[in-house]
Amino acid sequence: MMITHVVFFKMKSEALGKTGNENAQELAEKFQKISEKIPGVISTETGHNYNREERFYDMCLNQKFESKEALEKYLVHPLHLKVREFVFQVIDHRIVVDYEFH
């Protein structure tokens, strides 16, 4: 059964010498690149929130996986773990939702 993996990111206003918007763009590019290299990823979409209210999240990652097992392998894959290191340097917090298609 296919799985959707959705993550909302609240970016730090500044980190690693770049603005939150610059880091969000870099993060989106990193997710796109690794998704092409890790088996089991069906699709990856990223989006930046045009609404800049402080209480809203800045960026969304929406991925589809072949199965729960594919998502589990992705989460521990070395390429994903490398991006994850970057994530925790540039975000304040995140929300994750994983669900099955019925």
PDB file of N, CA and C in Angstrom:
ATOM      1  N   MET A   1       0.842  -1.182   0.000  1.00  0.00           N
ATOM      2  CA  MET A   1       0.000   0.000   0.000  1.00  0.00           C
ATOM      3  C   MET A   1       0.889   1.248   0.000  1.00  0.00           C
ATOM      4  N   MET A   2       0.561   2.214  -0.860  1.00  0.00           N
ATOM      5  CA  MET A   2       1.367   3.436  -0.940  1.00  0.00           C
ATOM      6  C   MET A   2       1.246   4.277   0.326  1.00  0.00           C
ATOM      7  N   ILE A   3       2.332   4.985   0.623  1.00  0.00           N
ATOM      8  CA  ILE A   3       2.409   5.837   1.810  1.00  0.00           C
ATOM      9  C   ILE A   3       2.715   7.267   1.383  1.00  0.00           C
ATOM     10  N   THR A   4       2.049   8.221   2.011  1.00  0.00           N
ATOM     11  CA  THR A   4       2.381   9.633   1.830  1.00  0.00           C
ATOM     12  C   THR A   4       3.079  10.119   3.090  1.00  0.00           C
ATOM     13  N   HIS A   5       4.163  10.839   2.886  1.00  0.00           N
ATOM     14  CA  HIS A   5       5.000  11.386   3.966  1.00  0.00           C
ATOM     15  C   HIS A   5       4.982  12.903   3.794  1.00  0.00           C
ATOM     16  N   VAL A   6       4.394  13.605   4.754  1.00  0.00           N
ATOM     17  CA  VAL A   6       4.268  15.062   4.680  1.00  0.00           C
ATOM     18  C   VAL A   6       4.992  15.676   5.870  1.00  0.00           C
ATOM     19  N   VAL A   7       5.831  16.673   5.578  1.00  0.00           N
ATOM     20  CA  VAL A   7       6.565  17.362   6.637  1.00  0.00           C
ATOM     21  C   VAL A   7       6.413  18.864   6.430  1.00  0.00           C
ATOM     22  N   PHE A   8       6.011  19.561   7.483  1.00  0.00           N
ATOM     23  CA  PHE A   8       5.957  21.022   7.472  1.00  0.00           C
ATOM     24  C   PHE A   8       7.140  21.536   8.281  1.00  0.00           C
ATOM     25  N   PHE A   9       7.868  22.495   7.716  1.00  0.00           N
ATOM     26  CA  PHE A   9       9.058  23.036   8.361  1.00  0.00           C
ATOM     27  C   PHE A   9       8.868  24.506   8.720  1.00  0.00           C
ATOM     28  N   LYS A  10       9.267  24.859   9.921  1.00  0.00           N
ATOM     29  CA  LYS A  10       9.365  26.258  10.344  1.00  0.00           C
ATOM     30  C   LYS A  10      10.854  26.576  10.332  1.00  0.00           C
ATOM     31  N   MET A  11      11.267  27.398   9.383  1.00  0.00           N
ATOM     32  CA  MET A  11      12.681  27.701   9.201  1.00  0.00           C
ATOM     33  C   MET A  11      13.156  28.729  10.230  1.00  0.00           C
ATOM     34  N   LYS A  12      14.426  28.622  10.611  1.00  0.00           N
ATOM     35  CA  LYS A  12      15.048  29.692  11.396  1.00  0.00           C
ATOM     36  C   LYS A  12      15.163  30.898  10.478  1.00  0.00           C
ATOM     37  N   SER A  13      15.019  32.101  11.017  1.00  0.00           N
ATOM     38  CA  SER A  13      15.098  33.290  10.170  1.00  0.00           C
ATOM     39  C   SER A  13      16.479  33.440   9.548  1.00  0.00           C
ATOM     40  N   GLU A  14      17.485  32.918  10.245  1.00  0.00           N
ATOM     41  CA  GLU A  14      18.849  32.935   9.723  1.00  0.00           C
ATOM     42  C   GLU A  14      19.609  31.746  10.294  1.00  0.00           C
ATOM     43  N   ALA A  15      20.390  31.093   9.452  1.00  0.00           N
ATOM     44  CA  ALA A  15      21.217  29.967   9.906  1.00  0.00           C
ATOM     45  C   ALA A  15      22.286  29.686   8.860  1.00  0.00           C
ATOM     46  N   LEU A  16      23.441  29.309   9.320  1.00  0.00           N
ATOM     47  CA  LEU A  16      24.558  28.962   8.438  1.00  0.00           C
ATOM     48  C   LEU A  16      24.903  30.097   7.474  1.00  0.00           C
ATOM     49  N   GLY A  17      24.690  31.331   7.922  1.00  0.00           N
ATOM     50  CA  GLY A  17      25.024  32.500   7.109  1.00  0.00           C
ATOM     51  C   GLY A  17      24.041  32.805   5.998  1.00  0.00           C
ATOM     52  N   LYS A  18      22.864  32.165   6.021  1.00  0.00           N
ATOM     53  CA  LYS A  18      21.856  32.387   4.984  1.00  0.00           C
ATOM     54  C   LYS A  18      20.512  32.708   5.622  1.00  0.00           C
ATOM     55  N   THR A  19      19.635  33.314   4.837  1.00  0.00           N
ATOM     56  CA  THR A  19      18.284  33.607   5.306  1.00  0.00           C
ATOM     57  C   THR A  19      17.461  32.321   5.332  1.00  0.00           C
ATOM     58  N   GLY A  20      16.342  32.383   6.020  1.00  0.00           N
ATOM     59  CA  GLY A  20      15.434  31.247   6.050  1.00  0.00           C
ATOM     60  C   GLY A  20      14.966  30.853   4.662  1.00  0.00           C
ATOM     61  N   ASN A  21      14.683  31.845   3.817  1.00  0.00           N
ATOM     62  CA  ASN A  21      14.245  31.553   2.450  1.00  0.00           C
ATOM     63  C   ASN A  21      15.337  30.852   1.650  1.00  0.00           C
ATOM     64  N   GLU A  22      16.571  31.309   1.802  1.00  0.00           N
ATOM     65  CA  GLU A  22      17.689  30.674   1.092  1.00  0.00           C
ATOM     66  C   GLU A  22      17.881  29.234   1.558  1.00  0.00           C
ATOM     67  N   ASN A  23      17.795  29.021   2.862  1.00  0.00           N
ATOM     68  CA  ASN A  23      17.941  27.661   3.389  1.00  0.00           C
ATOM     69  C   ASN A  23      16.775  26.769   2.973  1.00  0.00           C
ATOM     70  N   ALA A  24      15.578  27.325   2.901  1.00  0.00           N
ATOM     71  CA  ALA A  24      14.419  26.545   2.446  1.00  0.00           C
ATOM     72  C   ALA A  24      14.610  26.111   0.993  1.00  0.00           C
ATOM     73  N   GLN A  25      15.114  27.007   0.168  1.00  0.00           N
ATOM     74  CA  GLN A  25      15.369  26.665  -1.236  1.00  0.00           C
ATOM     75  C   GLN A  25      16.427  25.569  -1.341  1.00  0.00           C
ATOM     76  N   GLU A  26      17.488  25.696  -0.557  1.00  0.00           N
ATOM     77  CA  GLU A  26      18.538  24.677  -0.562  1.00  0.00           C
ATOM     78  C   GLU A  26      17.999  23.332  -0.068  1.00  0.00           C
ATOM     79  N   LEU A  27      17.172  23.375   0.951  1.00  0.00           N
ATOM     80  CA  LEU A  27      16.579  22.149   1.485  1.00  0.00           C
ATOM     81  C   LEU A  27      15.697  21.469   0.434  1.00  0.00           C
ATOM     82  N   ALA A  28      14.894  22.253  -0.263  1.00  0.00           N
ATOM     83  CA  ALA A  28      14.042  21.703  -1.318  1.00  0.00           C
ATOM     84  C   ALA A  28      14.890  21.009  -2.386  1.00  0.00           C
ATOM     85  N   GLU A  29      15.978  21.643  -2.780  1.00  0.00           N
ATOM     86  CA  GLU A  29      16.867  21.057  -3.787  1.00  0.00           C
ATOM     87  C   GLU A  29      17.485  19.756  -3.282  1.00  0.00           C
ATOM     88  N   LYS A  30      17.881  19.735  -2.026  1.00  0.00           N
ATOM     89  CA  LYS A  30      18.476  18.526  -1.446  1.00  0.00           C
ATOM     90  C   LYS A  30      17.469  17.373  -1.447  1.00  0.00           C
ATOM     91  N   PHE A  31      16.228  17.645  -1.063  1.00  0.00           N
ATOM     92  CA  PHE A  31      15.214  16.587  -1.057  1.00  0.00           C
ATOM     93  C   PHE A  31      14.949  16.067  -2.470  1.00  0.00           C
ATOM     94  N   GLN A  32      14.897  16.963  -3.447  1.00  0.00           N
ATOM     95  CA  GLN A  32      14.685  16.524  -4.830  1.00  0.00           C
ATOM     96  C   GLN A  32      15.828  15.628  -5.296  1.00  0.00           C
ATOM     97  N   LYS A  33      17.049  16.018  -5.009  1.00  0.00           N
ATOM     98  CA  LYS A  33      18.218  15.247  -5.463  1.00  0.00           C
ATOM     99  C   LYS A  33      18.266  13.856  -4.846  1.00  0.00           C
ATOM    100  N   ILE A  34      18.059  13.765  -3.543  1.00  0.00           N
ATOM    101  CA  ILE A  34      18.166  12.438  -2.914  1.00  0.00           C
ATOM    102  C   ILE A  34      17.000  11.545  -3.305  1.00  0.00           C
ATOM    103  N   SER A  35      15.848  12.127  -3.584  1.00  0.00           N
ATOM    104  CA  SER A  35      14.671  11.328  -3.939  1.00  0.00           C
ATOM    105  C   SER A  35      14.882  10.566  -5.238  1.00  0.00           C
ATOM    106  N   GLU A  36      15.710  11.115  -6.114  1.00  0.00           N
ATOM    107  CA  GLU A  36      16.010  10.455  -7.385  1.00  0.00           C
ATOM    108  C   GLU A  36      16.970   9.286  -7.193  1.00  0.00           C
ATOM    109  N   LYS A  37      17.644   9.237  -6.052  1.00  0.00           N
ATOM    110  CA  LYS A  37      18.694   8.240  -5.828  1.00  0.00           C
ATOM    111  C   LYS A  37      18.315   7.142  -4.836  1.00  0.00           C
ATOM    112  N   ILE A  38      17.197   7.301  -4.147  1.00  0.00           N
ATOM    113  CA  ILE A  38      16.811   6.324  -3.125  1.00  0.00           C
ATOM    114  C   ILE A  38      15.632   5.497  -3.636  1.00  0.00           C
ATOM    115  N   PRO A  39      15.783   4.176  -3.679  1.00  0.00           N
ATOM    116  CA  PRO A  39      14.696   3.315  -4.160  1.00  0.00           C
ATOM    117  C   PRO A  39      13.438   3.437  -3.294  1.00  0.00           C
ATOM    118  N   GLY A  40      12.286   3.275  -3.943  1.00  0.00           N
ATOM    119  CA  GLY A  40      11.019   3.271  -3.225  1.00  0.00           C
ATOM    120  C   GLY A  40      10.309   4.604  -3.185  1.00  0.00           C
ATOM    121  N   VAL A  41      11.008   5.693  -3.578  1.00  0.00           N
ATOM    122  CA  VAL A  41      10.378   7.014  -3.619  1.00  0.00           C
ATOM    123  C   VAL A  41       9.652   7.134  -4.957  1.00  0.00           C
ATOM    124  N   ILE A  42       8.358   7.361  -4.914  1.00  0.00           N
ATOM    125  CA  ILE A  42       7.564   7.514  -6.133  1.00  0.00           C
ATOM    126  C   ILE A  42       7.591   8.961  -6.604  1.00  0.00           C
ATOM    127  N   SER A  43       7.405   9.888  -5.675  1.00  0.00           N
ATOM    128  CA  SER A  43       7.413  11.307  -6.048  1.00  0.00           C
ATOM    129  C   SER A  43       7.787  12.166  -4.853  1.00  0.00           C
ATOM    130  N   THR A  44       8.313  13.345  -5.165  1.00  0.00           N
ATOM    131  CA  THR A  44       8.678  14.327  -4.144  1.00  0.00           C
ATOM    132  C   THR A  44       8.254  15.703  -4.627  1.00  0.00           C
ATOM    133  N   GLU A  45       7.498  16.391  -3.796  1.00  0.00           N
ATOM    134  CA  GLU A  45       7.114  17.780  -4.066  1.00  0.00           C
ATOM    135  C   GLU A  45       7.527  18.619  -2.872  1.00  0.00           C
ATOM    136  N   THR A  46       8.001  19.818  -3.147  1.00  0.00           N
ATOM    137  CA  THR A  46       8.282  20.773  -2.081  1.00  0.00           C
ATOM    138  C   THR A  46       7.589  22.074  -2.438  1.00  0.00           C
ATOM    139  N   GLY A  47       7.203  22.808  -1.422  1.00  0.00           N
ATOM    140  CA  GLY A  47       6.561  24.089  -1.656  1.00  0.00           C
ATOM    141  C   GLY A  47       6.889  25.061  -0.546  1.00  0.00           C
ATOM    142  N   HIS A  48       6.941  26.319  -0.925  1.00  0.00           N
ATOM    143  CA  HIS A  48       7.216  27.387   0.036  1.00  0.00           C
ATOM    144  C   HIS A  48       5.923  28.160   0.268  1.00  0.00           C
ATOM    145  N   ASN A  49       5.590  28.389   1.509  1.00  0.00           N
ATOM    146  CA  ASN A  49       4.354  29.075   1.863  1.00  0.00           C
ATOM    147  C   ASN A  49       4.456  30.547   1.480  1.00  0.00           C
ATOM    148  N   TYR A  50       3.549  31.006   0.638  1.00  0.00           N
ATOM    149  CA  TYR A  50       3.545  32.417   0.250  1.00  0.00           C
ATOM    150  C   TYR A  50       2.973  33.296   1.354  1.00  0.00           C
ATOM    151  N   ASN A  51       2.224  32.694   2.298  1.00  0.00           N
ATOM    152  CA  ASN A  51       1.662  33.452   3.414  1.00  0.00           C
ATOM    153  C   ASN A  51       2.721  33.537   4.509  1.00  0.00           C
ATOM    154  N   ARG A  52       3.138  34.721   4.846  1.00  0.00           N
ATOM    155  CA  ARG A  52       4.264  34.924   5.759  1.00  0.00           C
ATOM    156  C   ARG A  52       3.857  35.236   7.195  1.00  0.00           C
ATOM    157  N   GLU A  53       2.628  34.868   7.591  1.00  0.00           N
ATOM    158  CA  GLU A  53       2.250  35.073   8.992  1.00  0.00           C
ATOM    159  C   GLU A  53       3.179  34.277   9.889  1.00  0.00           C
ATOM    160  N   GLU A  54       3.583  34.835  10.986  1.00  0.00           N
ATOM    161  CA  GLU A  54       4.561  34.228  11.888  1.00  0.00           C
ATOM    162  C   GLU A  54       4.138  32.836  12.359  1.00  0.00           C
ATOM    163  N   ARG A  55       2.858  32.636  12.582  1.00  0.00           N
ATOM    164  CA  ARG A  55       2.395  31.358  13.135  1.00  0.00           C
ATOM    165  C   ARG A  55       2.335  30.241  12.093  1.00  0.00           C
ATOM    166  N   PHE A  56       2.527  30.569  10.826  1.00  0.00           N
ATOM    167  CA  PHE A  56       2.444  29.569   9.758  1.00  0.00           C
ATOM    168  C   PHE A  56       3.806  28.939   9.480  1.00  0.00           C
ATOM    169  N   TYR A  57       3.784  27.746   8.945  1.00  0.00           N
ATOM    170  CA  TYR A  57       5.014  27.060   8.545  1.00  0.00           C
ATOM    171  C   TYR A  57       5.509  27.624   7.216  1.00  0.00           C
ATOM    172  N   ASP A  58       6.803  27.492   6.979  1.00  0.00           N
ATOM    173  CA  ASP A  58       7.437  28.122   5.821  1.00  0.00           C
ATOM    174  C   ASP A  58       7.523  27.212   4.601  1.00  0.00           C
ATOM    175  N   MET A  59       7.628  25.923   4.835  1.00  0.00           N
ATOM    176  CA  MET A  59       7.904  25.002   3.739  1.00  0.00           C
ATOM    177  C   MET A  59       7.214  23.669   3.989  1.00  0.00           C
ATOM    178  N   CYS A  60       6.864  23.003   2.893  1.00  0.00           N
ATOM    179  CA  CYS A  60       6.235  21.684   2.982  1.00  0.00           C
ATOM    180  C   CYS A  60       6.971  20.702   2.074  1.00  0.00           C
ATOM    181  N   LEU A  61       7.162  19.501   2.579  1.00  0.00           N
ATOM    182  CA  LEU A  61       7.686  18.381   1.802  1.00  0.00           C
ATOM    183  C   LEU A  61       6.569  17.350   1.714  1.00  0.00           C
ATOM    184  N   ASN A  62       6.244  16.913   0.501  1.00  0.00           N
ATOM    185  CA  ASN A  62       5.191  15.926   0.296  1.00  0.00           C
ATOM    186  C   ASN A  62       5.778  14.820  -0.576  1.00  0.00           C
ATOM    187  N   GLN A  63       5.916  13.627   0.000  1.00  0.00           N
ATOM    188  CA  GLN A  63       6.508  12.513  -0.732  1.00  0.00           C
ATOM    189  C   GLN A  63       5.573  11.316  -0.740  1.00  0.00           C
ATOM    190  N   LYS A  64       5.654  10.547  -1.821  1.00  0.00           N
ATOM    191  CA  LYS A  64       4.905   9.299  -1.921  1.00  0.00           C
ATOM    192  C   LYS A  64       5.914   8.159  -2.027  1.00  0.00           C
ATOM    193  N   PHE A  65       5.621   7.074  -1.289  1.00  0.00           N
ATOM    194  CA  PHE A  65       6.488   5.901  -1.242  1.00  0.00           C
ATOM    195  C   PHE A  65       5.711   4.665  -1.652  1.00  0.00           C
ATOM    196  N   GLU A  66       6.434   3.676  -2.184  1.00  0.00           N
ATOM    197  CA  GLU A  66       5.811   2.427  -2.623  1.00  0.00           C
ATOM    198  C   GLU A  66       5.145   1.679  -1.475  1.00  0.00           C
ATOM    199  N   SER A  67       5.710   1.805  -0.264  1.00  0.00           N
ATOM    200  CA  SER A  67       5.211   1.036   0.881  1.00  0.00           C
ATOM    201  C   SER A  67       5.762   1.616   2.181  1.00  0.00           C
ATOM    202  N   LYS A  68       5.247   1.104   3.303  1.00  0.00           N
ATOM    203  CA  LYS A  68       5.796   1.493   4.610  1.00  0.00           C
ATOM    204  C   LYS A  68       7.269   1.122   4.692  1.00  0.00           C
ATOM    205  N   GLU A  69       7.596  -0.048   4.167  1.00  0.00           N
ATOM    206  CA  GLU A  69       8.987  -0.511   4.202  1.00  0.00           C
ATOM    207  C   GLU A  69       9.896   0.432   3.420  1.00  0.00           C
ATOM    208  N   ALA A  70       9.419   0.925   2.280  1.00  0.00           N
ATOM    209  CA  ALA A  70      10.212   1.867   1.477  1.00  0.00           C
ATOM    210  C   ALA A  70      10.462   3.156   2.257  1.00  0.00           C
ATOM    211  N   LEU A  71       9.442   3.656   2.957  1.00  0.00           N
ATOM    212  CA  LEU A  71       9.619   4.855   3.782  1.00  0.00           C
ATOM    213  C   LEU A  71      10.609   4.584   4.906  1.00  0.00           C
ATOM    214  N   GLU A  72      10.475   3.445   5.558  1.00  0.00           N
ATOM    215  CA  GLU A  72      11.387   3.111   6.662  1.00  0.00           C
ATOM    216  C   GLU A  72      12.838   3.036   6.181  1.00  0.00           C
ATOM    217  N   LYS A  73      13.062   2.467   5.000  1.00  0.00           N
ATOM    218  CA  LYS A  73      14.418   2.393   4.436  1.00  0.00           C
ATOM    219  C   LYS A  73      14.933   3.780   4.066  1.00  0.00           C
ATOM    220  N   TYR A  74      14.046   4.616   3.527  1.00  0.00           N
ATOM    221  CA  TYR A  74      14.406   5.995   3.172  1.00  0.00           C
ATOM    222  C   TYR A  74      14.867   6.766   4.407  1.00  0.00           C
ATOM    223  N   LEU A  75      14.136   6.614   5.498  1.00  0.00           N
ATOM    224  CA  LEU A  75      14.434   7.389   6.708  1.00  0.00           C
ATOM    225  C   LEU A  75      15.802   7.078   7.302  1.00  0.00           C
ATOM    226  N   VAL A  76      16.334   5.892   7.049  1.00  0.00           N
ATOM    227  CA  VAL A  76      17.654   5.530   7.582  1.00  0.00           C
ATOM    228  C   VAL A  76      18.734   5.484   6.495  1.00  0.00           C
ATOM    229  N   HIS A  77      18.364   5.837   5.283  1.00  0.00           N
ATOM    230  CA  HIS A  77      19.326   5.840   4.177  1.00  0.00           C
ATOM    231  C   HIS A  77      20.379   6.926   4.424  1.00  0.00           C
ATOM    232  N   PRO A  78      21.653   6.650   4.152  1.00  0.00           N
ATOM    233  CA  PRO A  78      22.716   7.637   4.395  1.00  0.00           C
ATOM    234  C   PRO A  78      22.493   8.988   3.711  1.00  0.00           C
ATOM    235  N   LEU A  79      21.925   9.005   2.511  1.00  0.00           N
ATOM    236  CA  LEU A  79      21.662  10.288   1.842  1.00  0.00           C
ATOM    237  C   LEU A  79      20.614  11.098   2.605  1.00  0.00           C
ATOM    238  N   HIS A  80      19.574  10.410   3.092  1.00  0.00           N
ATOM    239  CA  HIS A  80      18.551  11.107   3.876  1.00  0.00           C
ATOM    240  C   HIS A  80      19.125  11.595   5.200  1.00  0.00           C
ATOM    241  N   LEU A  81      19.938  10.780   5.842  1.00  0.00           N
ATOM    242  CA  LEU A  81      20.521  11.179   7.127  1.00  0.00           C
ATOM    243  C   LEU A  81      21.411  12.408   6.974  1.00  0.00           C
ATOM    244  N   LYS A  82      22.084  12.526   5.837  1.00  0.00           N
ATOM    245  CA  LYS A  82      22.914  13.706   5.581  1.00  0.00           C
ATOM    246  C   LYS A  82      22.037  14.961   5.441  1.00  0.00           C
ATOM    247  N   VAL A  83      20.932  14.844   4.717  1.00  0.00           N
ATOM    248  CA  VAL A  83      20.006  15.976   4.589  1.00  0.00           C
ATOM    249  C   VAL A  83      19.397  16.299   5.946  1.00  0.00           C
ATOM    250  N   ARG A  84      19.096  15.290   6.715  1.00  0.00           N
ATOM    251  CA  ARG A  84      18.516  15.482   8.055  1.00  0.00           C
ATOM    252  C   ARG A  84      19.437  16.322   8.942  1.00  0.00           C
ATOM    253  N   GLU A  85      20.745  16.104   8.830  1.00  0.00           N
ATOM    254  CA  GLU A  85      21.702  16.926   9.583  1.00  0.00           C
ATOM    255  C   GLU A  85      21.538  18.400   9.222  1.00  0.00           C
ATOM    256  N   PHE A  86      21.400  18.677   7.926  1.00  0.00           N
ATOM    257  CA  PHE A  86      21.189  20.050   7.465  1.00  0.00           C
ATOM    258  C   PHE A  86      19.869  20.589   8.012  1.00  0.00           C
ATOM    259  N   VAL A  87      18.827  19.761   7.944  1.00  0.00           N
ATOM    260  CA  VAL A  87      17.497  20.167   8.416  1.00  0.00           C
ATOM    261  C   VAL A  87      17.572  20.725   9.830  1.00  0.00           C
ATOM    262  N   PHE A  88      18.198  19.984  10.734  1.00  0.00           N
ATOM    263  CA  PHE A  88      18.190  20.394  12.136  1.00  0.00           C
ATOM    264  C   PHE A  88      19.089  21.589  12.428  1.00  0.00           C
ATOM    265  N   GLN A  89      19.876  21.994  11.448  1.00  0.00           N
ATOM    266  CA  GLN A  89      20.656  23.224  11.592  1.00  0.00           C
ATOM    267  C   GLN A  89      19.864  24.453  11.143  1.00  0.00           C
ATOM    268  N   VAL A  90      18.868  24.257  10.278  1.00  0.00           N
ATOM    269  CA  VAL A  90      18.189  25.403   9.665  1.00  0.00           C
ATOM    270  C   VAL A  90      16.716  25.547  10.040  1.00  0.00           C
ATOM    271  N   ILE A  91      16.162  24.608  10.816  1.00  0.00           N
ATOM    272  CA  ILE A  91      14.749  24.738  11.199  1.00  0.00           C
ATOM    273  C   ILE A  91      14.608  24.996  12.694  1.00  0.00           C
ATOM    274  N   ASP A  92      13.476  25.622  13.034  1.00  0.00           N
ATOM    275  CA  ASP A  92      13.100  25.757  14.445  1.00  0.00           C
ATOM    276  C   ASP A  92      12.327  24.524  14.897  1.00  0.00           C
ATOM    277  N   HIS A  93      11.400  24.066  14.058  1.00  0.00           N
ATOM    278  CA  HIS A  93      10.642  22.855  14.357  1.00  0.00           C
ATOM    279  C   HIS A  93       9.933  22.354  13.102  1.00  0.00           C
ATOM    280  N   ARG A  94       9.308  21.191  13.243  1.00  0.00           N
ATOM    281  CA  ARG A  94       8.633  20.553  12.115  1.00  0.00           C
ATOM    282  C   ARG A  94       7.453  19.730  12.609  1.00  0.00           C
ATOM    283  N   ILE A  95       6.576  19.414  11.695  1.00  0.00           N
ATOM    284  CA  ILE A  95       5.453  18.515  11.950  1.00  0.00           C
ATOM    285  C   ILE A  95       5.488  17.451  10.855  1.00  0.00           C
ATOM    286  N   VAL A  96       5.323  16.187  11.241  1.00  0.00           N
ATOM    287  CA  VAL A  96       5.371  15.081  10.282  1.00  0.00           C
ATOM    288  C   VAL A  96       4.068  14.297  10.349  1.00  0.00           C
ATOM    289  N   VAL A  97       3.531  13.955   9.174  1.00  0.00           N
ATOM    290  CA  VAL A  97       2.360  13.085   9.079  1.00  0.00           C
ATOM    291  C   VAL A  97       2.653  12.040   8.007  1.00  0.00           C
ATOM    292  N   ASP A  98       2.501  10.765   8.354  1.00  0.00           N
ATOM    293  CA  ASP A  98       2.643   9.661   7.406  1.00  0.00           C
ATOM    294  C   ASP A  98       1.311   8.921   7.360  1.00  0.00           C
ATOM    295  N   TYR A  99       0.792   8.685   6.159  1.00  0.00           N
ATOM    296  CA  TYR A  99      -0.484   7.979   6.073  1.00  0.00           C
ATOM    297  C   TYR A  99      -0.543   7.093   4.836  1.00  0.00           C
ATOM    298  N   GLU A 100      -1.434   6.092   4.896  1.00  0.00           N
ATOM    299  CA  GLU A 100      -1.639   5.149   3.800  1.00  0.00           C
ATOM    300  C   GLU A 100      -2.767   5.618   2.901  1.00  0.00           C
ATOM    301  N   PHE A 101      -2.638   5.291   1.614  1.00  0.00           N
ATOM    302  CA  PHE A 101      -3.748   5.467   0.681  1.00  0.00           C
ATOM    303  C   PHE A 101      -4.710   4.304   0.870  1.00  0.00           C
ATOM    304  N   HIS A 102      -5.996   4.572   0.796  1.00  0.00           N
ATOM    305  CA  HIS A 102      -6.989   3.488   0.884  1.00  0.00           C
ATOM    306  C   HIS A 102      -7.775   3.424  -0.399  1.00  0.00           C
TER     307      HIS A 102
END
